[in-house]
PDB file of N, CA and C in Angstrom:
ATOM      1  N   UNK A   1     135.081  14.569  92.312  1.00  0.00           N
ATOM      2  CA  UNK A   1     134.742  14.241  90.948  1.00  0.00           C
ATOM      3  C   UNK A   1     133.290  14.659  90.676  1.00  0.00           C
ATOM      4  N   UNK A   2     133.063  15.109  89.474  1.00  0.00           N
ATOM      5  CA  UNK A   2     131.748  15.580  89.053  1.00  0.00           C
ATOM      6  C   UNK A   2     130.722  14.454  89.115  1.00  0.00           C
ATOM      7  N   UNK A   3     129.529  14.750  89.642  1.00  0.00           N
ATOM      8  CA  UNK A   3     128.425  13.805  89.654  1.00  0.00           C
ATOM      9  C   UNK A   3     127.772  13.844  88.264  1.00  0.00           C
ATOM     10  N   UNK A   4     128.173  12.915  87.413  1.00  0.00           N
ATOM     11  CA  UNK A   4     127.728  12.975  86.021  1.00  0.00           C
ATOM     12  C   UNK A   4     126.223  12.784  85.867  1.00  0.00           C
ATOM     13  N   UNK A   5     125.569  12.133  86.826  1.00  0.00           N
ATOM     14  CA  UNK A   5     124.129  11.898  86.731  1.00  0.00           C
ATOM     15  C   UNK A   5     123.322  13.196  86.713  1.00  0.00           C
ATOM     16  N   UNK A   6     123.914  14.263  87.192  1.00  0.00           N
ATOM     17  CA  UNK A   6     123.240  15.565  87.158  1.00  0.00           C
ATOM     18  C   UNK A   6     123.220  16.155  85.748  1.00  0.00           C
ATOM     19  N   UNK A   7     124.056  15.648  84.863  1.00  0.00           N
ATOM     20  CA  UNK A   7     124.209  16.236  83.528  1.00  0.00           C
ATOM     21  C   UNK A   7     123.895  15.282  82.386  1.00  0.00           C
ATOM     22  N   UNK A   8     123.912  13.989  82.645  1.00  0.00           N
ATOM     23  CA  UNK A   8     123.782  12.993  81.585  1.00  0.00           C
ATOM     24  C   UNK A   8     122.568  12.119  81.854  1.00  0.00           C
ATOM     25  N   UNK A   9     121.827  11.834  80.787  1.00  0.00           N
ATOM     26  CA  UNK A   9     120.642  11.002  80.912  1.00  0.00           C
ATOM     27  C   UNK A   9     120.479  10.149  79.659  1.00  0.00           C
ATOM     28  N   UNK A  10     119.529   9.248  79.696  1.00  0.00           N
ATOM     29  CA  UNK A  10     119.135   8.491  78.510  1.00  0.00           C
ATOM     30  C   UNK A  10     117.626   8.570  78.378  1.00  0.00           C
ATOM     31  N   UNK A  11     117.164   8.517  77.148  1.00  0.00           N
ATOM     32  CA  UNK A  11     115.738   8.528  76.851  1.00  0.00           C
ATOM     33  C   UNK A  11     115.561   7.724  75.574  1.00  0.00           C
ATOM     34  N   UNK A  12     114.789   6.664  75.649  1.00  0.00           N
ATOM     35  CA  UNK A  12     114.624   5.790  74.480  1.00  0.00           C
ATOM     36  C   UNK A  12     114.038   6.535  73.278  1.00  0.00           C
ATOM     37  N   UNK A  13     113.439   7.693  73.512  1.00  0.00           N
ATOM     38  CA  UNK A  13     112.857   8.488  72.424  1.00  0.00           C
ATOM     39  C   UNK A  13     113.872   9.436  71.778  1.00  0.00           C
ATOM     40  N   UNK A  14     115.045   9.557  72.377  1.00  0.00           N
ATOM     41  CA  UNK A  14     116.066  10.474  71.852  1.00  0.00           C
ATOM     42  C   UNK A  14     117.318   9.681  71.502  1.00  0.00           C
ATOM     43  N   UNK A  15     117.737   9.763  70.242  1.00  0.00           N
ATOM     44  CA  UNK A  15     118.953   9.105  69.752  1.00  0.00           C
ATOM     45  C   UNK A  15     119.027   7.628  70.152  1.00  0.00           C
ATOM     46  N   UNK A  16     117.882   6.963  70.068  1.00  0.00           N
ATOM     47  CA  UNK A  16     117.807   5.520  70.350  1.00  0.00           C
ATOM     48  C   UNK A  16     118.295   5.154  71.746  1.00  0.00           C
ATOM     49  N   UNK A  17     118.157   6.089  72.680  1.00  0.00           N
ATOM     50  CA  UNK A  17     118.526   5.806  74.061  1.00  0.00           C
ATOM     51  C   UNK A  17     119.990   5.975  74.391  1.00  0.00           C
ATOM     52  N   UNK A  18     120.768   6.555  73.468  1.00  0.00           N
ATOM     53  CA  UNK A  18     122.180   6.813  73.774  1.00  0.00           C
ATOM     54  C   UNK A  18     122.270   7.841  74.892  1.00  0.00           C
ATOM     55  N   UNK A  19     123.303   7.763  75.720  1.00  0.00           N
ATOM     56  CA  UNK A  19     123.486   8.792  76.755  1.00  0.00           C
ATOM     57  C   UNK A  19     123.687  10.161  76.104  1.00  0.00           C
ATOM     58  N   UNK A  20     122.979  11.146  76.634  1.00  0.00           N
ATOM     59  CA  UNK A  20     123.035  12.517  76.114  1.00  0.00           C
ATOM     60  C   UNK A  20     123.194  13.499  77.269  1.00  0.00           C
ATOM     61  N   UNK A  21     123.581  14.720  76.919  1.00  0.00           N
ATOM     62  CA  UNK A  21     123.578  15.814  77.887  1.00  0.00           C
ATOM     63  C   UNK A  21     122.125  16.226  78.104  1.00  0.00           C
ATOM     64  N   UNK A  22     121.715  16.294  79.358  1.00  0.00           N
ATOM     65  CA  UNK A  22     120.328  16.648  79.679  1.00  0.00           C
ATOM     66  C   UNK A  22     119.923  17.937  78.990  1.00  0.00           C
ATOM     67  N   UNK A  23     118.712  17.941  78.454  1.00  0.00           N
ATOM     68  CA  UNK A  23     118.168  19.133  77.817  1.00  0.00           C
ATOM     69  C   UNK A  23     118.663  19.359  76.408  1.00  0.00           C
ATOM     70  N   UNK A  24     119.428  18.405  75.875  1.00  0.00           N
ATOM     71  CA  UNK A  24     119.955  18.531  74.513  1.00  0.00           C
ATOM     72  C   UNK A  24     119.756  17.209  73.771  1.00  0.00           C
ATOM     73  N   UNK A  25     120.152  17.208  72.525  1.00  0.00           N
ATOM     74  CA  UNK A  25     120.230  15.982  71.741  1.00  0.00           C
ATOM     75  C   UNK A  25     121.703  15.689  71.416  1.00  0.00           C
ATOM     76  N   UNK A  26     122.584  16.177  72.255  1.00  0.00           N
ATOM     77  CA  UNK A  26     124.016  15.987  72.060  1.00  0.00           C
ATOM     78  C   UNK A  26     124.445  14.746  72.835  1.00  0.00           C
ATOM     79  N   UNK A  27     124.904  13.732  72.089  1.00  0.00           N
ATOM     80  CA  UNK A  27     125.272  12.471  72.735  1.00  0.00           C
ATOM     81  C   UNK A  27     126.685  12.535  73.305  1.00  0.00           C
ATOM     82  N   UNK A  28     126.905  11.699  74.300  1.00  0.00           N
ATOM     83  CA  UNK A  28     128.231  11.570  74.888  1.00  0.00           C
ATOM     84  C   UNK A  28     129.194  11.034  73.830  1.00  0.00           C
ATOM     85  N   UNK A  29     128.716  10.108  73.039  1.00  0.00           N
ATOM     86  CA  UNK A  29     129.518   9.551  71.946  1.00  0.00           C
ATOM     87  C   UNK A  29     130.001  10.660  71.009  1.00  0.00           C
ATOM     88  N   UNK A  30     129.112  11.588  70.651  1.00  0.00           N
ATOM     89  CA  UNK A  30     129.451  12.695  69.762  1.00  0.00           C
ATOM     90  C   UNK A  30     130.534  13.577  70.378  1.00  0.00           C
ATOM     91  N   UNK A  31     130.374  13.903  71.652  1.00  0.00           N
ATOM     92  CA  UNK A  31     131.361  14.749  72.333  1.00  0.00           C
ATOM     93  C   UNK A  31     132.718  14.061  72.372  1.00  0.00           C
ATOM     94  N   UNK A  32     132.739  12.791  72.749  1.00  0.00           N
ATOM     95  CA  UNK A  32     134.007  12.059  72.819  1.00  0.00           C
ATOM     96  C   UNK A  32     134.650  11.935  71.436  1.00  0.00           C
ATOM     97  N   UNK A  33     133.829  11.752  70.418  1.00  0.00           N
ATOM     98  CA  UNK A  33     134.366  11.673  69.045  1.00  0.00           C
ATOM     99  C   UNK A  33     135.025  12.989  68.654  1.00  0.00           C
ATOM    100  N   UNK A  34     134.381  14.096  68.980  1.00  0.00           N
ATOM    101  CA  UNK A  34     134.962  15.408  68.666  1.00  0.00           C
ATOM    102  C   UNK A  34     136.301  15.589  69.394  1.00  0.00           C
ATOM    103  N   UNK A  35     136.331  15.260  70.660  1.00  0.00           N
ATOM    104  CA  UNK A  35     137.570  15.391  71.426  1.00  0.00           C
ATOM    105  C   UNK A  35     138.654  14.470  70.863  1.00  0.00           C
ATOM    106  N   UNK A  36     138.277  13.251  70.486  1.00  0.00           N
ATOM    107  CA  UNK A  36     139.245  12.280  69.950  1.00  0.00           C
ATOM    108  C   UNK A  36     139.807  12.712  68.600  1.00  0.00           C
ATOM    109  N   UNK A  37     139.071  13.543  67.873  1.00  0.00           N
ATOM    110  CA  UNK A  37     139.560  14.001  66.573  1.00  0.00           C
ATOM    111  C   UNK A  37     140.232  15.367  66.648  1.00  0.00           C
ATOM    112  N   UNK A  38     140.497  15.828  67.883  1.00  0.00           N
ATOM    113  CA  UNK A  38     141.312  17.026  68.025  1.00  0.00           C
ATOM    114  C   UNK A  38     140.588  18.301  68.401  1.00  0.00           C
ATOM    115  N   UNK A  39     139.280  18.248  68.547  1.00  0.00           N
ATOM    116  CA  UNK A  39     138.579  19.455  68.977  1.00  0.00           C
ATOM    117  C   UNK A  39     139.002  19.800  70.396  1.00  0.00           C
ATOM    118  N   UNK A  40     139.084  21.070  70.669  1.00  0.00           N
ATOM    119  CA  UNK A  40     139.385  21.524  72.021  1.00  0.00           C
ATOM    120  C   UNK A  40     138.075  21.735  72.781  1.00  0.00           C
ATOM    121  N   UNK A  41     138.191  21.829  74.087  1.00  0.00           N
ATOM    122  CA  UNK A  41     137.031  22.143  74.915  1.00  0.00           C
ATOM    123  C   UNK A  41     136.444  23.475  74.466  1.00  0.00           C
ATOM    124  N   UNK A  42     137.294  24.432  74.176  1.00  0.00           N
ATOM    125  CA  UNK A  42     136.837  25.753  73.749  1.00  0.00           C
ATOM    126  C   UNK A  42     136.034  25.662  72.454  1.00  0.00           C
ATOM    127  N   UNK A  43     136.496  24.836  71.509  1.00  0.00           N
ATOM    128  CA  UNK A  43     135.765  24.670  70.245  1.00  0.00           C
ATOM    129  C   UNK A  43     134.392  24.056  70.486  1.00  0.00           C
ATOM    130  N   UNK A  44     134.328  23.067  71.356  1.00  0.00           N
ATOM    131  CA  UNK A  44     133.036  22.454  71.667  1.00  0.00           C
ATOM    132  C   UNK A  44     132.080  23.486  72.272  1.00  0.00           C
ATOM    133  N   UNK A  45     132.560  24.231  73.252  1.00  0.00           N
ATOM    134  CA  UNK A  45     131.709  25.212  73.914  1.00  0.00           C
ATOM    135  C   UNK A  45     131.277  26.324  72.967  1.00  0.00           C
ATOM    136  N   UNK A  46     132.156  26.707  72.056  1.00  0.00           N
ATOM    137  CA  UNK A  46     131.833  27.759  71.095  1.00  0.00           C
ATOM    138  C   UNK A  46     130.815  27.283  70.065  1.00  0.00           C
ATOM    139  N   UNK A  47     130.992  26.057  69.575  1.00  0.00           N
ATOM    140  CA  UNK A  47     130.124  25.531  68.526  1.00  0.00           C
ATOM    141  C   UNK A  47     128.801  24.967  69.044  1.00  0.00           C
ATOM    142  N   UNK A  48     128.749  24.632  70.309  1.00  0.00           N
ATOM    143  CA  UNK A  48     127.541  24.077  70.916  1.00  0.00           C
ATOM    144  C   UNK A  48     127.254  24.856  72.198  1.00  0.00           C
ATOM    145  N   UNK A  49     126.663  26.044  72.059  1.00  0.00           N
ATOM    146  CA  UNK A  49     126.497  26.955  73.193  1.00  0.00           C
ATOM    147  C   UNK A  49     125.629  26.414  74.330  1.00  0.00           C
ATOM    148  N   UNK A  50     124.866  25.358  74.083  1.00  0.00           N
ATOM    149  CA  UNK A  50     124.067  24.776  75.179  1.00  0.00           C
ATOM    150  C   UNK A  50     124.935  23.921  76.100  1.00  0.00           C
ATOM    151  N   UNK A  51     126.126  23.556  75.641  1.00  0.00           N
ATOM    152  CA  UNK A  51     127.053  22.803  76.488  1.00  0.00           C
ATOM    153  C   UNK A  51     127.739  23.741  77.463  1.00  0.00           C
ATOM    154  N   UNK A  52     128.016  23.218  78.648  1.00  0.00           N
ATOM    155  CA  UNK A  52     128.767  23.982  79.641  1.00  0.00           C
ATOM    156  C   UNK A  52     130.034  23.206  80.007  1.00  0.00           C
ATOM    157  N   UNK A  53     130.939  23.892  80.653  1.00  0.00           N
ATOM    158  CA  UNK A  53     132.148  23.224  81.126  1.00  0.00           C
ATOM    159  C   UNK A  53     131.773  22.111  82.102  1.00  0.00           C
ATOM    160  N   UNK A  54     130.771  22.330  82.936  1.00  0.00           N
ATOM    161  CA  UNK A  54     130.308  21.288  83.857  1.00  0.00           C
ATOM    162  C   UNK A  54     129.789  20.065  83.098  1.00  0.00           C
ATOM    163  N   UNK A  55     129.111  20.288  81.968  1.00  0.00           N
ATOM    164  CA  UNK A  55     128.653  19.162  81.139  1.00  0.00           C
ATOM    165  C   UNK A  55     129.843  18.338  80.665  1.00  0.00           C
ATOM    166  N   UNK A  56     130.875  19.022  80.199  1.00  0.00           N
ATOM    167  CA  UNK A  56     132.052  18.309  79.697  1.00  0.00           C
ATOM    168  C   UNK A  56     132.779  17.577  80.818  1.00  0.00           C
ATOM    169  N   UNK A  57     132.851  18.177  81.980  1.00  0.00           N
ATOM    170  CA  UNK A  57     133.454  17.481  83.114  1.00  0.00           C
ATOM    171  C   UNK A  57     132.643  16.239  83.469  1.00  0.00           C
ATOM    172  N   UNK A  58     131.333  16.310  83.320  1.00  0.00           N
ATOM    173  CA  UNK A  58     130.468  15.153  83.566  1.00  0.00           C
ATOM    174  C   UNK A  58     130.735  14.055  82.539  1.00  0.00           C
ATOM    175  N   UNK A  59     131.038  14.433  81.296  1.00  0.00           N
ATOM    176  CA  UNK A  59     131.375  13.446  80.271  1.00  0.00           C
ATOM    177  C   UNK A  59     132.634  12.681  80.681  1.00  0.00           C
ATOM    178  N   UNK A  60     133.624  13.393  81.171  1.00  0.00           N
ATOM    179  CA  UNK A  60     134.859  12.725  81.613  1.00  0.00           C
ATOM    180  C   UNK A  60     134.579  11.790  82.790  1.00  0.00           C
ATOM    181  N   UNK A  61     133.767  12.245  83.738  1.00  0.00           N
ATOM    182  CA  UNK A  61     133.430  11.410  84.893  1.00  0.00           C
ATOM    183  C   UNK A  61     132.639  10.180  84.464  1.00  0.00           C
ATOM    184  N   UNK A  62     131.750  10.350  83.512  1.00  0.00           N
ATOM    185  CA  UNK A  62     130.960   9.229  82.983  1.00  0.00           C
ATOM    186  C   UNK A  62     131.882   8.203  82.319  1.00  0.00           C
ATOM    187  N   UNK A  63     132.788   8.681  81.480  1.00  0.00           N
ATOM    188  CA  UNK A  63     133.726   7.771  80.803  1.00  0.00           C
ATOM    189  C   UNK A  63     134.588   7.034  81.829  1.00  0.00           C
ATOM    190  N   UNK A  64     135.035   7.743  82.843  1.00  0.00           N
ATOM    191  CA  UNK A  64     135.826   7.109  83.902  1.00  0.00           C
ATOM    192  C   UNK A  64     135.017   6.020  84.598  1.00  0.00           C
ATOM    193  N   UNK A  65     133.783   6.333  84.970  1.00  0.00           N
ATOM    194  CA  UNK A  65     132.950   5.337  85.645  1.00  0.00           C
ATOM    195  C   UNK A  65     132.706   4.119  84.766  1.00  0.00           C
ATOM    196  N   UNK A  66     132.512   4.334  83.480  1.00  0.00           N
ATOM    197  CA  UNK A  66     132.308   3.202  82.566  1.00  0.00           C
ATOM    198  C   UNK A  66     133.553   2.320  82.516  1.00  0.00           C
ATOM    199  N   UNK A  67     134.704   2.929  82.441  1.00  0.00           N
ATOM    200  CA  UNK A  67     135.944   2.155  82.387  1.00  0.00           C
ATOM    201  C   UNK A  67     136.212   1.460  83.716  1.00  0.00           C
ATOM    202  N   UNK A  68     135.979   2.163  84.806  1.00  0.00           N
ATOM    203  CA  UNK A  68     136.228   1.629  86.135  1.00  0.00           C
ATOM    204  C   UNK A  68     135.360   0.399  86.392  1.00  0.00           C
ATOM    205  N   UNK A  69     134.133   0.443  85.932  1.00  0.00           N
ATOM    206  CA  UNK A  69     133.199  -0.647  86.166  1.00  0.00           C
ATOM    207  C   UNK A  69     133.290  -1.745  85.113  1.00  0.00           C
ATOM    208  N   UNK A  70     134.211  -1.596  84.169  1.00  0.00           N
ATOM    209  CA  UNK A  70     134.403  -2.623  83.156  1.00  0.00           C
ATOM    210  C   UNK A  70     133.380  -2.603  82.041  1.00  0.00           C
ATOM    211  N   UNK A  71     132.659  -1.490  81.886  1.00  0.00           N
ATOM    212  CA  UNK A  71     131.675  -1.418  80.819  1.00  0.00           C
ATOM    213  C   UNK A  71     132.316  -1.156  79.467  1.00  0.00           C
ATOM    214  N   UNK A  72     133.495  -0.575  79.475  1.00  0.00           N
ATOM    215  CA  UNK A  72     134.237  -0.348  78.240  1.00  0.00           C
ATOM    216  C   UNK A  72     135.407  -1.321  78.219  1.00  0.00           C
ATOM    217  N   UNK A  73     135.403  -2.173  77.259  1.00  0.00           N
ATOM    218  CA  UNK A  73     136.461  -3.158  77.149  1.00  0.00           C
ATOM    219  C   UNK A  73     137.157  -3.026  75.818  1.00  0.00           C
ATOM    220  N   UNK A  74     138.458  -3.230  75.823  1.00  0.00           N
ATOM    221  CA  UNK A  74     139.210  -3.203  74.577  1.00  0.00           C
ATOM    222  C   UNK A  74     139.038  -4.530  73.870  1.00  0.00           C
ATOM    223  N   UNK A  75     138.913  -4.474  72.563  1.00  0.00           N
ATOM    224  CA  UNK A  75     138.901  -5.687  71.780  1.00  0.00           C
ATOM    225  C   UNK A  75     140.342  -6.121  71.591  1.00  0.00           C
ATOM    226  N   UNK A  76     140.613  -7.368  71.853  1.00  0.00           N
ATOM    227  CA  UNK A  76     141.979  -7.846  71.673  1.00  0.00           C
ATOM    228  C   UNK A  76     142.207  -8.133  70.194  1.00  0.00           C
ATOM    229  N   UNK A  77     143.411  -7.871  69.757  1.00  0.00           N
ATOM    230  CA  UNK A  77     143.786  -8.140  68.369  1.00  0.00           C
ATOM    231  C   UNK A  77     144.190  -9.592  68.256  1.00  0.00           C
ATOM    232  N   UNK A  78     143.660 -10.230  67.261  1.00  0.00           N
ATOM    233  CA  UNK A  78     144.043 -11.632  67.018  1.00  0.00           C
ATOM    234  C   UNK A  78     145.337 -11.666  66.253  1.00  0.00           C
ATOM    235  N   UNK A  79     146.196 -12.564  66.647  1.00  0.00           N
ATOM    236  CA  UNK A  79     147.498 -12.671  65.980  1.00  0.00           C
ATOM    237  C   UNK A  79     147.391 -13.503  64.735  1.00  0.00           C
TER     238      UNK A  79
END
């Protein structure tokens, strides 16, 4: 699995400290939102040339680690 720490960082001076791809102002949230709305990996790489396939693989590894460690929790629906 990709070592996401090599590609993802936070900086309180950039995007209020949201996780971003190193060397960019592209947030992990932004990438995941694009993918969730139907963008392909190819579209992301074409539209954001500073992104690499390794960066995107790091995003997946980061999301997995967050879920695995319980940092992402589903909100339960109230009946």
